[in-house]
Amino acid sequence: MMDFYGRRLNTYKALLHTHCTTSDGKFAPEEVIRHYAEAGYHAVAFTDHHATNPVSTWDGLGMTLLSGMEMHPMGPRGIRWHIVAVGLPEDYSQYDREAPAQDVIDKAVQAGAVCICAHPYWSGFTSAEIASLKNLSAIEVYNTATRYIGKAYNMQVWDELSDAGIVLPAVAVDDTHRPRDLFKGWTMIAADDASPESLLAALKRGDFYATQGPEITRLSFKDDMFEADFSPCVEVIGMTNLSRGYMIAVPDQEGPGEPCREITTAQFKVARKATPAWLRLQLRDREGRYAWSAPIIVPAAESV
């Protein structure tokens, strides 16, 4: 349960990018389900390459199973996009990998899916190239499967998009292919219940946050005051446009050797500028695990 900008909502731990033996995953579907059910997840999206799965026929062991696909239309410089579509009909037949990327995304969205730009750092895409795509619902800020070549984090590309006026929420995912990918990044969806319809509606609204471990229990922005409550963290930063930001806590902030203190709440006054700005919370706990809230829009200062 969390207070999501004045709304009391349940939170559901979701894996939004995974593969099984339908494509290049090492786990059979029932193994994926068992692993994540035993780890306390509430929802798993099966997003195999080029193919959906009959998830409605599988035993979710108490979890909600979402139908999806990882789509690979051609992109700039001869690089294929990796677009994760969550919420596709199980019998979806409109995917054409040789069609223009925008057509592929638009058809998936028309079919009811949310489309997520997967691991842009690993893929090699710039923020300008991602900005050419419309109808994206989110970007992957963290992807476990790409950490083994040092390209797991996508904060810079995400913030560059926000600076360019394309303000998207972000998800954290395992992109599970093999045992080493399990349980390192997930998305907490704030919704009324764990039905597919409720979870997809929350994803479309941006009612979620991405995390590797830290939990956020309250987010508030009222009268230019941003407030948040969360599990103990040693680094808490309000990220915003360009060179600006709000340092709430960082290790060694008073100099080398300072004891590493943990905090569980943040409150800071947001200074409005002449133009609208974006603002998101970034947390890091003592173990080095991050959490990221979705950016909100701070209105421009009123002219006098």
Protein backbone atom coordinates (compact mmCIF):
# COMPACT_ATOMS: atom_id res chain seq x y z
CA MET A 1 0.00 0.00 0.00
CA MET A 2 1.24 3.50 -0.75
CA ASP A 3 0.03 7.08 -0.77
CA PHE A 4 0.50 7.95 -4.44
CA TYR A 5 0.07 11.72 -4.66
CA GLY A 6 -3.00 11.71 -2.45
CA ARG A 7 -4.46 8.38 -3.54
CA ARG A 8 -4.22 5.32 -1.30
CA LEU A 9 -3.42 2.44 -3.63
CA ASN A 10 -2.24 -1.12 -3.33
CA THR A 11 1.20 -1.88 -4.72
CA TYR A 12 2.00 -4.93 -6.79
CA LYS A 13 5.48 -6.26 -7.47
CA ALA A 14 5.70 -6.91 -11.20
CA LEU A 15 8.19 -8.39 -13.64
CA LEU A 16 7.49 -6.69 -16.97
CA HIS A 17 10.18 -8.23 -19.22
CA THR A 18 11.01 -11.92 -19.27
CA HIS A 19 11.71 -14.76 -21.67
CA CYS A 20 11.04 -18.48 -21.50
CA THR A 21 11.66 -21.41 -23.81
CA THR A 22 9.14 -19.95 -26.26
CA SER A 23 12.10 -17.86 -27.46
CA ASP A 24 15.62 -17.66 -26.00
CA GLY A 25 14.94 -18.15 -22.29
CA LYS A 26 16.46 -21.09 -20.43
CA PHE A 27 13.42 -21.60 -18.18
CA ALA A 28 10.19 -23.32 -19.18
CA PRO A 29 7.12 -21.14 -18.51
CA GLU A 30 6.21 -23.10 -15.37
CA GLU A 31 9.74 -22.58 -14.03
CA VAL A 32 9.53 -18.81 -14.55
CA ILE A 33 6.19 -18.78 -12.75
CA ARG A 34 7.48 -20.87 -9.85
CA HIS A 35 10.62 -18.78 -9.36
CA TYR A 36 8.77 -15.47 -9.24
CA ALA A 37 5.82 -16.74 -7.21
CA GLU A 38 8.20 -18.07 -4.57
CA ALA A 39 9.97 -14.69 -4.54
CA GLY A 40 6.74 -12.87 -3.68
CA TYR A 41 5.89 -11.27 -7.01
CA HIS A 42 2.29 -10.41 -7.83
CA ALA A 43 2.51 -10.23 -11.64
CA VAL A 44 4.69 -11.49 -14.48
CA ALA A 45 4.55 -10.40 -18.12
CA PHE A 46 5.78 -12.99 -20.61
CA THR A 47 7.47 -11.01 -23.39
CA ASP A 48 9.16 -13.49 -25.67
CA HIS A 49 10.78 -12.35 -28.90
CA HIS A 50 8.33 -12.12 -31.81
CA ALA A 51 5.68 -14.27 -30.05
CA THR A 52 2.94 -14.12 -27.45
CA ASN A 53 2.15 -16.97 -25.05
CA PRO A 54 -1.14 -18.61 -23.98
CA VAL A 55 -0.77 -17.23 -20.46
CA SER A 56 -4.49 -17.57 -19.67
CA THR A 57 -4.07 -21.36 -19.84
CA TRP A 58 -1.18 -21.43 -17.34
CA ASP A 59 -1.35 -21.71 -13.56
CA GLY A 60 0.03 -18.43 -12.22
CA LEU A 61 0.40 -19.81 -8.67
CA GLY A 62 -1.50 -16.80 -7.37
CA MET A 63 0.19 -14.27 -9.64
CA THR A 64 -1.38 -12.32 -12.49
CA LEU A 65 0.11 -13.39 -15.82
CA LEU A 66 0.22 -10.75 -18.55
CA SER A 67 0.49 -11.44 -22.25
CA GLY A 68 3.21 -9.58 -24.12
CA MET A 69 5.95 -9.66 -26.72
CA GLU A 70 9.36 -8.15 -27.38
CA MET A 71 9.19 -6.64 -30.86
CA HIS A 72 12.16 -5.86 -33.08
CA PRO A 73 11.39 -3.50 -35.95
CA MET A 74 14.33 -1.96 -37.77
CA GLY A 75 15.71 1.25 -36.30
CA PRO A 76 18.28 3.87 -37.30
CA ARG A 77 21.82 2.90 -38.29
CA GLY A 78 20.70 -0.64 -39.04
CA ILE A 79 20.01 -1.39 -35.35
CA ARG A 80 16.79 -3.17 -34.48
CA TRP A 81 14.61 -1.72 -31.76
CA HIS A 82 13.74 -3.74 -28.68
CA ILE A 83 10.19 -2.69 -27.82
CA VAL A 84 8.43 -4.57 -25.02
CA ALA A 85 4.65 -4.63 -25.48
CA VAL A 86 2.74 -5.63 -22.34
CA GLY A 87 -0.97 -6.38 -22.56
CA LEU A 88 -1.23 -7.77 -26.08
CA PRO A 89 -4.03 -10.21 -26.88
CA GLU A 90 -2.72 -13.76 -26.79
CA ASP A 91 -3.76 -14.22 -30.42
CA TYR A 92 -2.14 -10.97 -31.58
CA SER A 93 -1.29 -11.26 -35.28
CA GLN A 94 -0.52 -7.67 -36.36
CA TYR A 95 3.22 -7.79 -35.68
CA ASP A 96 5.45 -7.36 -38.73
CA ARG A 97 9.13 -6.98 -37.87
CA GLU A 98 9.84 -5.45 -41.28
CA ALA A 99 7.23 -2.71 -40.85
CA PRO A 100 8.31 0.78 -39.71
CA ALA A 101 8.86 0.94 -35.96
CA GLN A 102 6.13 3.52 -35.46
CA ASP A 103 3.59 1.31 -37.22
CA VAL A 104 4.59 -1.64 -35.04
CA ILE A 105 4.18 0.42 -31.87
CA ASP A 106 0.91 2.02 -32.95
CA LYS A 107 -0.71 -1.32 -33.77
CA ALA A 108 0.34 -2.78 -30.42
CA VAL A 109 -1.09 0.23 -28.58
CA GLN A 110 -4.31 0.02 -30.59
CA ALA A 111 -4.57 -3.61 -29.47
CA GLY A 112 -4.44 -2.47 -25.82
CA ALA A 113 -0.75 -2.83 -24.96
CA VAL A 114 1.70 -0.48 -23.31
CA CYS A 115 4.99 -0.16 -25.19
CA ILE A 116 8.31 0.17 -23.36
CA CYS A 117 11.68 1.07 -24.84
CA ALA A 118 13.97 -1.71 -23.64
CA HIS A 119 17.63 -1.33 -22.58
CA PRO A 120 18.57 1.62 -24.86
CA TYR A 121 22.20 1.73 -23.63
CA TRP A 122 22.70 -1.94 -24.46
CA SER A 123 20.96 -1.52 -27.82
CA GLY A 124 23.02 1.55 -28.70
CA PHE A 125 20.19 4.05 -29.17
CA THR A 126 20.53 7.74 -28.35
CA SER A 127 17.87 9.83 -26.68
CA ALA A 128 17.35 11.72 -29.95
CA GLU A 129 16.59 8.46 -31.73
CA ILE A 130 14.17 7.36 -29.02
CA ALA A 131 12.51 10.78 -29.19
CA SER A 132 11.47 10.02 -32.76
CA LEU A 133 9.07 7.34 -31.47
CA LYS A 134 5.55 8.17 -30.34
CA ASN A 135 3.18 6.16 -28.14
CA LEU A 136 5.84 4.86 -25.75
CA SER A 137 4.56 4.43 -22.20
CA ALA A 138 7.91 3.97 -20.44
CA ILE A 139 11.63 3.36 -20.74
CA GLU A 140 13.71 0.74 -18.93
CA VAL A 141 15.90 2.54 -16.42
CA TYR A 142 17.47 -0.73 -15.26
CA ASN A 143 17.78 -4.11 -17.00
CA THR A 144 19.43 -6.99 -15.15
CA ALA A 145 20.35 -9.06 -18.20
CA THR A 146 22.49 -6.24 -19.62
CA ARG A 147 24.54 -5.64 -16.48
CA TYR A 148 27.08 -8.29 -17.42
CA ILE A 149 28.59 -6.03 -20.07
CA GLY A 150 28.22 -2.90 -17.92
CA LYS A 151 25.15 -1.43 -19.61
CA ALA A 152 22.36 -2.05 -17.11
CA TYR A 153 21.50 1.57 -16.24
CA ASN A 154 19.76 4.06 -18.51
CA MET A 155 19.37 7.16 -16.31
CA GLN A 156 21.21 9.53 -18.65
CA VAL A 157 19.14 8.66 -21.72
CA TRP A 158 15.98 8.87 -19.61
CA ASP A 159 16.86 12.33 -18.29
CA GLU A 160 17.90 13.55 -21.74
CA LEU A 161 14.44 12.63 -22.99
CA SER A 162 12.87 14.53 -20.09
CA ASP A 163 15.06 17.56 -20.82
CA ALA A 164 13.81 17.41 -24.41
CA GLY A 165 10.21 17.52 -23.20
CA ILE A 166 9.49 13.79 -23.56
CA VAL A 167 8.68 12.95 -19.94
CA LEU A 168 8.22 9.20 -19.51
CA PRO A 169 8.05 7.00 -16.42
CA ALA A 170 10.55 4.18 -16.11
CA VAL A 171 10.48 0.51 -15.22
CA ALA A 172 13.14 -1.79 -13.79
CA VAL A 173 13.24 -5.33 -15.16
CA ASP A 174 15.16 -8.58 -15.01
CA ASP A 175 14.78 -9.39 -18.72
CA THR A 176 15.11 -12.94 -17.45
CA HIS A 177 16.88 -15.43 -19.67
CA ARG A 178 18.83 -17.56 -17.20
CA PRO A 179 19.32 -18.04 -13.42
CA ARG A 180 21.76 -15.14 -13.01
CA ASP A 181 19.04 -12.70 -14.11
CA LEU A 182 16.55 -13.46 -11.33
CA PHE A 183 15.15 -10.93 -8.83
CA LYS A 184 17.33 -7.85 -9.33
CA GLY A 185 14.95 -5.26 -10.79
CA TRP A 186 11.18 -4.88 -10.67
CA THR A 187 8.33 -2.41 -10.98
CA MET A 188 5.91 -1.59 -8.17
CA ILE A 189 2.53 -0.84 -9.74
CA ALA A 190 0.09 1.28 -7.72
CA ALA A 191 -3.39 0.00 -8.56
CA ASP A 192 -6.76 -0.84 -7.06
CA ASP A 193 -6.27 -4.58 -7.56
CA ALA A 194 -4.05 -7.09 -9.35
CA SER A 195 -6.35 -7.88 -12.26
CA PRO A 196 -4.81 -7.53 -15.73
CA GLU A 197 -7.17 -4.67 -16.48
CA SER A 198 -6.24 -2.74 -13.33
CA LEU A 199 -2.50 -3.30 -13.73
CA LEU A 200 -2.51 -2.24 -17.39
CA ALA A 201 -4.61 0.84 -16.61
CA ALA A 202 -2.08 1.83 -13.93
CA LEU A 203 0.81 1.32 -16.36
CA LYS A 204 -0.93 3.55 -18.89
CA ARG A 205 -1.43 6.25 -16.24
CA GLY A 206 2.16 6.05 -15.04
CA ASP A 207 1.14 4.94 -11.55
CA PHE A 208 4.27 2.98 -10.65
CA TYR A 209 7.90 3.24 -9.64
CA ALA A 210 11.00 1.23 -10.55
CA THR A 211 13.24 -0.37 -7.96
CA GLN A 212 16.06 -2.77 -7.20
CA GLY A 213 15.05 -2.96 -3.54
CA PRO A 214 14.12 0.34 -1.84
CA GLU A 215 10.39 0.75 -1.20
CA ILE A 216 8.51 4.02 -1.59
CA THR A 217 5.41 4.33 0.60
CA ARG A 218 4.40 7.94 -0.02
CA LEU A 219 4.82 10.56 -2.74
CA SER A 220 3.33 14.03 -2.48
CA PHE A 221 3.63 17.31 -4.35
CA LYS A 222 1.50 20.16 -3.06
CA ASP A 223 2.08 23.92 -2.83
CA ASP A 224 5.54 23.48 -4.38
CA MET A 225 6.56 21.09 -1.60
CA PHE A 226 7.75 17.61 -2.61
CA GLU A 227 7.56 14.94 0.09
CA ALA A 228 8.33 11.24 0.16
CA ASP A 229 8.55 8.36 2.62
CA PHE A 230 10.63 5.27 1.85
CA SER A 231 12.66 2.42 3.31
CA PRO A 232 16.09 3.37 4.74
CA CYS A 233 18.38 4.91 2.11
CA VAL A 234 21.77 6.61 2.18
CA GLU A 235 21.38 8.65 -1.01
CA VAL A 236 18.27 10.70 -1.75
CA ILE A 237 18.20 13.15 -4.64
CA GLY A 238 15.49 15.16 -6.35
CA MET A 239 16.46 14.94 -10.01
CA THR A 240 15.34 17.71 -12.35
CA ASN A 241 16.26 19.62 -15.51
CA LEU A 242 19.80 20.25 -16.72
CA SER A 243 22.31 21.17 -13.99
CA ARG A 244 19.70 21.64 -11.26
CA GLY A 245 18.70 19.21 -8.53
CA TYR A 246 17.96 18.75 -4.83
CA MET A 247 20.47 16.89 -2.67
CA ILE A 248 18.70 15.52 0.39
CA ALA A 249 21.35 13.02 1.43
CA VAL A 250 24.48 11.53 -0.09
CA PRO A 251 27.30 9.54 1.52
CA ASP A 252 30.24 11.70 2.65
CA GLN A 253 28.28 14.88 1.99
CA GLU A 254 30.29 16.68 4.69
CA GLY A 255 33.60 15.15 3.60
CA PRO A 256 35.47 11.84 3.47
CA GLY A 257 34.96 9.51 6.39
CA GLU A 258 31.60 10.86 7.50
CA PRO A 259 29.40 8.09 8.94
CA CYS A 260 26.93 6.85 6.35
CA ARG A 261 23.52 7.83 7.70
CA GLU A 262 20.21 6.39 6.58
CA ILE A 263 17.04 8.41 6.20
CA THR A 264 13.44 7.39 5.52
CA THR A 265 11.77 10.65 4.57
CA ALA A 266 12.44 13.64 2.34
CA GLN A 267 10.87 17.06 2.09
CA PHE A 268 12.03 19.96 -0.04
CA LYS A 269 10.67 23.14 -1.56
CA VAL A 270 10.71 23.13 -5.35
CA ALA A 271 11.84 26.36 -6.97
CA ARG A 272 9.72 27.07 -10.03
CA LYS A 273 11.43 28.43 -13.12
CA ALA A 274 10.29 30.45 -16.12
CA THR A 275 9.44 27.25 -17.98
CA PRO A 276 7.89 23.98 -16.79
CA ALA A 277 10.30 21.43 -15.35
CA TRP A 278 10.32 17.72 -14.58
CA LEU A 279 11.11 16.23 -11.17
CA ARG A 280 11.74 12.69 -10.00
CA LEU A 281 13.02 11.05 -6.83
CA GLN A 282 16.12 8.84 -6.96
CA LEU A 283 17.02 6.67 -3.97
CA ARG A 284 19.95 4.39 -3.18
CA ASP A 285 20.21 2.15 -0.13
CA ARG A 286 23.24 0.95 1.83
CA GLU A 287 23.58 -2.05 -0.48
CA GLY A 288 23.82 0.18 -3.55
CA ARG A 289 20.34 -0.63 -4.83
CA TYR A 290 18.34 2.13 -6.50
CA ALA A 291 14.69 3.15 -6.73
CA TRP A 292 13.28 5.72 -9.15
CA SER A 293 9.93 7.50 -9.07
CA ALA A 294 8.23 8.54 -12.29
CA PRO A 295 8.88 12.19 -13.20
CA ILE A 296 6.16 14.72 -12.50
CA ILE A 297 5.75 18.09 -14.20
CA VAL A 298 6.42 21.22 -12.14
CA PRO A 299 4.49 24.15 -13.63
CA ALA A 300 6.31 27.31 -14.64
CA ALA A 301 6.50 30.20 -12.20
CA GLU A 302 3.67 32.66 -12.50
CA SER A 303 4.75 35.89 -14.16
CA VAL A 304 4.39 39.07 -12.09
